[in-house]
C-alpha atoms as a PDB file:
ATOM      1  CA  UNK A   1      34.602 -68.604  54.421  1.00  0.00           C
ATOM      2  CA  UNK A   2      34.822 -69.544  58.381  1.00  0.00           C
ATOM      3  CA  UNK A   3      36.692 -66.601  59.846  1.00  0.00           C
ATOM      4  CA  UNK A   4      35.288 -63.158  60.793  1.00  0.00           C
ATOM      5  CA  UNK A   5      32.793 -61.639  63.148  1.00  0.00           C
ATOM      6  CA  UNK A   6      34.502 -58.851  64.920  1.00  0.00           C
ATOM      7  CA  UNK A   7      32.308 -56.238  63.307  1.00  0.00           C
ATOM      8  CA  UNK A   8      31.306 -52.858  64.405  1.00  0.00           C
ATOM      9  CA  UNK A   9      27.700 -52.297  65.473  1.00  0.00           C
ATOM     10  CA  UNK A  10      24.780 -54.409  64.207  1.00  0.00           C
ATOM     11  CA  UNK A  11      25.902 -54.623  60.630  1.00  0.00           C
ATOM     12  CA  UNK A  12      23.616 -57.556  60.350  1.00  0.00           C
ATOM     13  CA  UNK A  13      21.792 -55.353  57.892  1.00  0.00           C
ATOM     14  CA  UNK A  14      24.778 -56.140  55.752  1.00  0.00           C
ATOM     15  CA  UNK A  15      23.152 -58.789  53.666  1.00  0.00           C
ATOM     16  CA  UNK A  16      20.658 -56.238  52.589  1.00  0.00           C
ATOM     17  CA  UNK A  17      23.475 -53.949  51.528  1.00  0.00           C
ATOM     18  CA  UNK A  18      25.398 -56.175  49.200  1.00  0.00           C
ATOM     19  CA  UNK A  19      22.292 -57.886  48.017  1.00  0.00           C
ATOM     20  CA  UNK A  20      21.471 -54.442  46.698  1.00  0.00           C
ATOM     21  CA  UNK A  21      18.246 -53.913  48.616  1.00  0.00           C
ATOM     22  CA  UNK A  22      16.788 -50.503  47.825  1.00  0.00           C
ATOM     23  CA  UNK A  23      13.469 -48.880  48.469  1.00  0.00           C
ATOM     24  CA  UNK A  24      11.189 -48.154  45.523  1.00  0.00           C
ATOM     25  CA  UNK A  25      11.406 -44.659  44.087  1.00  0.00           C
ATOM     26  CA  UNK A  26       7.814 -43.942  45.148  1.00  0.00           C
ATOM     27  CA  UNK A  27       8.584 -44.788  48.797  1.00  0.00           C
ATOM     28  CA  UNK A  28       8.734 -41.810  51.113  1.00  0.00           C
ATOM     29  CA  UNK A  29      12.198 -42.652  52.452  1.00  0.00           C
ATOM     30  CA  UNK A  30      14.245 -43.114  49.293  1.00  0.00           C
ATOM     31  CA  UNK A  31      17.398 -44.780  50.567  1.00  0.00           C
ATOM     32  CA  UNK A  32      19.535 -47.855  50.415  1.00  0.00           C
ATOM     33  CA  UNK A  33      22.052 -49.375  52.759  1.00  0.00           C
ATOM     34  CA  UNK A  34      25.447 -48.117  51.605  1.00  0.00           C
ATOM     35  CA  UNK A  35      28.032 -50.544  52.966  1.00  0.00           C
ATOM     36  CA  UNK A  36      29.092 -52.948  55.693  1.00  0.00           C
ATOM     37  CA  UNK A  37      32.321 -52.675  57.673  1.00  0.00           C
ATOM     38  CA  UNK A  38      33.930 -55.906  58.872  1.00  0.00           C
ATOM     39  CA  UNK A  39      36.779 -56.031  61.357  1.00  0.00           C
ATOM     40  CA  UNK A  40      39.099 -58.785  60.192  1.00  0.00           C
ATOM     41  CA  UNK A  41      42.044 -60.598  61.723  1.00  0.00           C
ATOM     42  CA  UNK A  42      44.222 -60.341  58.589  1.00  0.00           C
ATOM     43  CA  UNK A  43      43.503 -57.630  56.040  1.00  0.00           C
ATOM     44  CA  UNK A  44      45.400 -59.191  53.112  1.00  0.00           C
ATOM     45  CA  UNK A  45      43.922 -62.674  53.651  1.00  0.00           C
ATOM     46  CA  UNK A  46      40.376 -61.310  53.799  1.00  0.00           C
ATOM     47  CA  UNK A  47      40.910 -58.967  50.843  1.00  0.00           C
ATOM     48  CA  UNK A  48      42.200 -61.872  48.730  1.00  0.00           C
ATOM     49  CA  UNK A  49      39.296 -64.059  49.812  1.00  0.00           C
ATOM     50  CA  UNK A  50      36.581 -61.564  48.826  1.00  0.00           C
ATOM     51  CA  UNK A  51      38.427 -60.860  45.572  1.00  0.00           C
ATOM     52  CA  UNK A  52      39.175 -64.463  44.590  1.00  0.00           C
ATOM     53  CA  UNK A  53      36.021 -66.157  45.858  1.00  0.00           C
ATOM     54  CA  UNK A  54      33.311 -63.499  45.418  1.00  0.00           C
ATOM     55  CA  UNK A  55      34.907 -61.575  42.542  1.00  0.00           C
ATOM     56  CA  UNK A  56      34.808 -58.287  44.449  1.00  0.00           C
ATOM     57  CA  UNK A  57      37.066 -55.466  43.307  1.00  0.00           C
ATOM     58  CA  UNK A  58      39.266 -53.331  45.523  1.00  0.00           C
ATOM     59  CA  UNK A  59      38.595 -49.681  44.751  1.00  0.00           C
ATOM     60  CA  UNK A  60      40.737 -48.095  47.429  1.00  0.00           C
ATOM     61  CA  UNK A  61      42.870 -48.717  50.488  1.00  0.00           C
ATOM     62  CA  UNK A  62      43.302 -45.992  53.070  1.00  0.00           C
ATOM     63  CA  UNK A  63      44.718 -45.619  56.547  1.00  0.00           C
ATOM     64  CA  UNK A  64      43.073 -43.157  58.906  1.00  0.00           C
ATOM     65  CA  UNK A  65      42.271 -43.001  62.593  1.00  0.00           C
ATOM     66  CA  UNK A  66      45.126 -45.470  63.043  1.00  0.00           C
ATOM     67  CA  UNK A  67      43.517 -48.288  61.050  1.00  0.00           C
ATOM     68  CA  UNK A  68      43.883 -49.459  57.473  1.00  0.00           C
ATOM     69  CA  UNK A  69      40.700 -50.073  55.525  1.00  0.00           C
ATOM     70  CA  UNK A  70      40.107 -51.738  52.155  1.00  0.00           C
ATOM     71  CA  UNK A  71      37.067 -50.649  50.125  1.00  0.00           C
ATOM     72  CA  UNK A  72      35.492 -53.341  47.910  1.00  0.00           C
ATOM     73  CA  UNK A  73      32.504 -53.517  45.586  1.00  0.00           C
ATOM     74  CA  UNK A  74      30.940 -56.087  43.298  1.00  0.00           C
ATOM     75  CA  UNK A  75      31.336 -53.873  40.248  1.00  0.00           C
ATOM     76  CA  UNK A  76      32.612 -50.509  39.090  1.00  0.00           C
ATOM     77  CA  UNK A  77      29.445 -48.490  39.747  1.00  0.00           C
ATOM     78  CA  UNK A  78      29.929 -48.309  43.520  1.00  0.00           C
ATOM     79  CA  UNK A  79      33.027 -47.107  45.358  1.00  0.00           C
ATOM     80  CA  UNK A  80      32.378 -49.662  48.067  1.00  0.00           C
ATOM     81  CA  UNK A  81      29.778 -52.052  49.442  1.00  0.00           C
ATOM     82  CA  UNK A  82      32.086 -53.838  51.843  1.00  0.00           C
ATOM     83  CA  UNK A  83      34.858 -52.303  53.941  1.00  0.00           C
ATOM     84  CA  UNK A  84      37.455 -54.529  55.576  1.00  0.00           C
ATOM     85  CA  UNK A  85      39.179 -53.038  58.602  1.00  0.00           C
ATOM     86  CA  UNK A  86      42.030 -54.839  60.276  1.00  0.00           C
ATOM     87  CA  UNK A  87      41.710 -54.901  64.037  1.00  0.00           C
ATOM     88  CA  UNK A  88      44.849 -53.840  65.849  1.00  0.00           C
ATOM     89  CA  UNK A  89      44.756 -55.955  68.992  1.00  0.00           C
ATOM     90  CA  UNK A  90      42.457 -58.118  71.029  1.00  0.00           C
ATOM     91  CA  UNK A  91      41.905 -54.999  73.165  1.00  0.00           C
ATOM     92  CA  UNK A  92      40.073 -53.243  70.319  1.00  0.00           C
ATOM     93  CA  UNK A  93      36.448 -52.682  71.194  1.00  0.00           C
ATOM     94  CA  UNK A  94      34.121 -55.459  70.065  1.00  0.00           C
ATOM     95  CA  UNK A  95      36.993 -57.676  68.846  1.00  0.00           C
ATOM     96  CA  UNK A  96      35.940 -60.638  70.955  1.00  0.00           C
ATOM     97  CA  UNK A  97      32.210 -60.072  70.444  1.00  0.00           C
ATOM     98  CA  UNK A  98      30.529 -61.550  67.420  1.00  0.00           C
ATOM     99  CA  UNK A  99      27.614 -59.572  66.027  1.00  0.00           C
ATOM    100  CA  UNK A 100      27.461 -60.783  62.459  1.00  0.00           C
ATOM    101  CA  UNK A 101      25.922 -64.148  61.647  1.00  0.00           C
ATOM    102  CA  UNK A 102      26.266 -64.083  57.866  1.00  0.00           C
ATOM    103  CA  UNK A 103      26.682 -62.110  54.667  1.00  0.00           C
ATOM    104  CA  UNK A 104      24.313 -63.096  51.885  1.00  0.00           C
ATOM    105  CA  UNK A 105      24.613 -62.239  48.230  1.00  0.00           C
ATOM    106  CA  UNK A 106      21.621 -62.639  45.920  1.00  0.00           C
ATOM    107  CA  UNK A 107      22.590 -63.971  42.520  1.00  0.00           C
ATOM    108  CA  UNK A 108      20.851 -63.036  39.273  1.00  0.00           C
ATOM    109  CA  UNK A 109      20.002 -66.506  38.036  1.00  0.00           C
ATOM    110  CA  UNK A 110      20.559 -70.247  38.143  1.00  0.00           C
ATOM    111  CA  UNK A 111      23.569 -70.105  35.803  1.00  0.00           C
ATOM    112  CA  UNK A 112      25.362 -67.710  38.167  1.00  0.00           C
ATOM    113  CA  UNK A 113      24.661 -70.006  41.137  1.00  0.00           C
ATOM    114  CA  UNK A 114      26.091 -72.983  39.236  1.00  0.00           C
ATOM    115  CA  UNK A 115      29.115 -70.941  38.167  1.00  0.00           C
ATOM    116  CA  UNK A 116      29.896 -70.006  41.784  1.00  0.00           C
ATOM    117  CA  UNK A 117      29.320 -73.606  42.880  1.00  0.00           C
ATOM    118  CA  UNK A 118      31.910 -74.817  40.375  1.00  0.00           C
ATOM    119  CA  UNK A 119      34.376 -72.086  41.373  1.00  0.00           C
ATOM    120  CA  UNK A 120      34.042 -72.953  45.071  1.00  0.00           C
ATOM    121  CA  UNK A 121      34.535 -76.659  44.364  1.00  0.00           C
ATOM    122  CA  UNK A 122      37.626 -75.893  42.242  1.00  0.00           C
ATOM    123  CA  UNK A 123      39.040 -73.846  45.129  1.00  0.00           C
ATOM    124  CA  UNK A 124      38.333 -76.733  47.548  1.00  0.00           C
ATOM    125  CA  UNK A 125      36.175 -74.523  49.743  1.00  0.00           C
ATOM    126  CA  UNK A 126      33.934 -76.534  52.048  1.00  0.00           C
ATOM    127  CA  UNK A 127      30.319 -75.688  51.376  1.00  0.00           C
ATOM    128  CA  UNK A 128      26.779 -76.770  52.035  1.00  0.00           C
ATOM    129  CA  UNK A 129      23.997 -76.780  49.449  1.00  0.00           C
ATOM    130  CA  UNK A 130      20.565 -75.962  50.854  1.00  0.00           C
ATOM    131  CA  UNK A 131      17.064 -75.738  49.447  1.00  0.00           C
ATOM    132  CA  UNK A 132      15.313 -73.054  51.493  1.00  0.00           C
ATOM    133  CA  UNK A 133      12.115 -73.488  49.444  1.00  0.00           C
ATOM    134  CA  UNK A 134      12.259 -69.761  48.528  1.00  0.00           C
ATOM    135  CA  UNK A 135      15.918 -69.926  47.494  1.00  0.00           C
ATOM    136  CA  UNK A 136      18.690 -72.343  46.626  1.00  0.00           C
ATOM    137  CA  UNK A 137      21.783 -71.485  48.611  1.00  0.00           C
ATOM    138  CA  UNK A 138      25.490 -72.186  48.882  1.00  0.00           C
ATOM    139  CA  UNK A 139      26.877 -71.693  52.401  1.00  0.00           C
ATOM    140  CA  UNK A 140      30.582 -71.402  53.267  1.00  0.00           C
ATOM    141  CA  UNK A 141      32.893 -69.352  55.505  1.00  0.00           C
ATOM    142  CA  UNK A 142      35.351 -66.510  55.011  1.00  0.00           C
ATOM    143  CA  UNK A 143      38.821 -66.428  56.660  1.00  0.00           C
ATOM    144  CA  UNK A 144      37.372 -65.009  59.918  1.00  0.00           C
ATOM    145  CA  UNK A 145      34.491 -67.514  60.193  1.00  0.00           C
ATOM    146  CA  UNK A 146      31.758 -65.269  58.819  1.00  0.00           C
ATOM    147  CA  UNK A 147      29.200 -67.420  57.077  1.00  0.00           C
ATOM    148  CA  UNK A 148      28.677 -66.449  53.444  1.00  0.00           C
ATOM    149  CA  UNK A 149      25.503 -67.331  51.581  1.00  0.00           C
ATOM    150  CA  UNK A 150      25.169 -67.127  47.814  1.00  0.00           C
ATOM    151  CA  UNK A 151      21.546 -67.639  46.826  1.00  0.00           C
ATOM    152  CA  UNK A 152      19.205 -67.769  43.860  1.00  0.00           C
ATOM    153  CA  UNK A 153      15.632 -66.647  44.585  1.00  0.00           C
ATOM    154  CA  UNK A 154      13.365 -69.465  43.341  1.00  0.00           C
ATOM    155  CA  UNK A 155       9.984 -68.089  44.480  1.00  0.00           C
ATOM    156  CA  UNK A 156       8.930 -67.552  40.858  1.00  0.00           C
ATOM    157  CA  UNK A 157      10.197 -70.915  39.659  1.00  0.00           C
ATOM    158  CA  UNK A 158       7.717 -73.812  39.212  1.00  0.00           C
ATOM    159  CA  UNK A 159       9.362 -75.669  42.118  1.00  0.00           C
ATOM    160  CA  UNK A 160       9.713 -72.612  44.382  1.00  0.00           C
ATOM    161  CA  UNK A 161       7.518 -71.717  47.339  1.00  0.00           C
ATOM    162  CA  UNK A 162       6.281 -68.294  48.403  1.00  0.00           C
ATOM    163  CA  UNK A 163       7.161 -68.780  52.102  1.00  0.00           C
ATOM    164  CA  UNK A 164      10.197 -70.258  53.856  1.00  0.00           C
ATOM    165  CA  UNK A 165       8.340 -71.560  56.933  1.00  0.00           C
ATOM    166  CA  UNK A 166      11.641 -72.771  58.419  1.00  0.00           C
ATOM    167  CA  UNK A 167      11.752 -75.618  55.911  1.00  0.00           C
ATOM    168  CA  UNK A 168      15.408 -75.996  54.911  1.00  0.00           C
ATOM    169  CA  UNK A 169      16.483 -79.156  53.121  1.00  0.00           C
ATOM    170  CA  UNK A 170      19.713 -80.469  51.688  1.00  0.00           C
ATOM    171  CA  UNK A 171      20.147 -79.632  48.007  1.00  0.00           C
ATOM    172  CA  UNK A 172      21.802 -82.376  45.999  1.00  0.00           C
ATOM    173  CA  UNK A 173      24.442 -81.551  43.429  1.00  0.00           C
ATOM    174  CA  UNK A 174      22.317 -83.295  40.793  1.00  0.00           C
ATOM    175  CA  UNK A 175      19.279 -81.125  41.546  1.00  0.00           C
ATOM    176  CA  UNK A 176      21.436 -77.982  41.679  1.00  0.00           C
ATOM    177  CA  UNK A 177      22.864 -78.729  38.247  1.00  0.00           C
ATOM    178  CA  UNK A 178      19.562 -79.993  36.762  1.00  0.00           C
ATOM    179  CA  UNK A 179      16.604 -78.105  38.208  1.00  0.00           C
ATOM    180  CA  UNK A 180      13.090 -79.231  37.266  1.00  0.00           C
ATOM    181  CA  UNK A 181      11.472 -77.330  34.429  1.00  0.00           C
END
């Protein structure tokens, strides 16, 4: 996925949203990030990408304030986590300014990471495999050049580290498919 970045305001908190980051119930401010809105160059292309590549479901499409929006979520429990909004013209505010660096999705386990890896390879999507010491990640781009990261948190694995420390290494396919025990 190499293709988007004409977002509204600092939605860089986006990763946190779809990753499902929430505060603990005992925290004073009980809240979670609700959704991210991405301005995209082609609504149908982006909708198909997030559906076909990340298995997101479209829950609604609506046009208001002169723009069509598509509401997507990872499952059926949420109405939307990601909103795609097609930009009208290059004169739209923030269209030529790129605020978003990446969207990251935390995966439940190693098997899910491997499943996505195989799906991406079957779809001939260019990707990079990285060992971030605290996570194993797949990086690729959406139709508007937004970097997507799918990652498995390995901090509690025997080979995982507790801190990133800027130490990113290549992750071989063999290691991805056969992690140490």
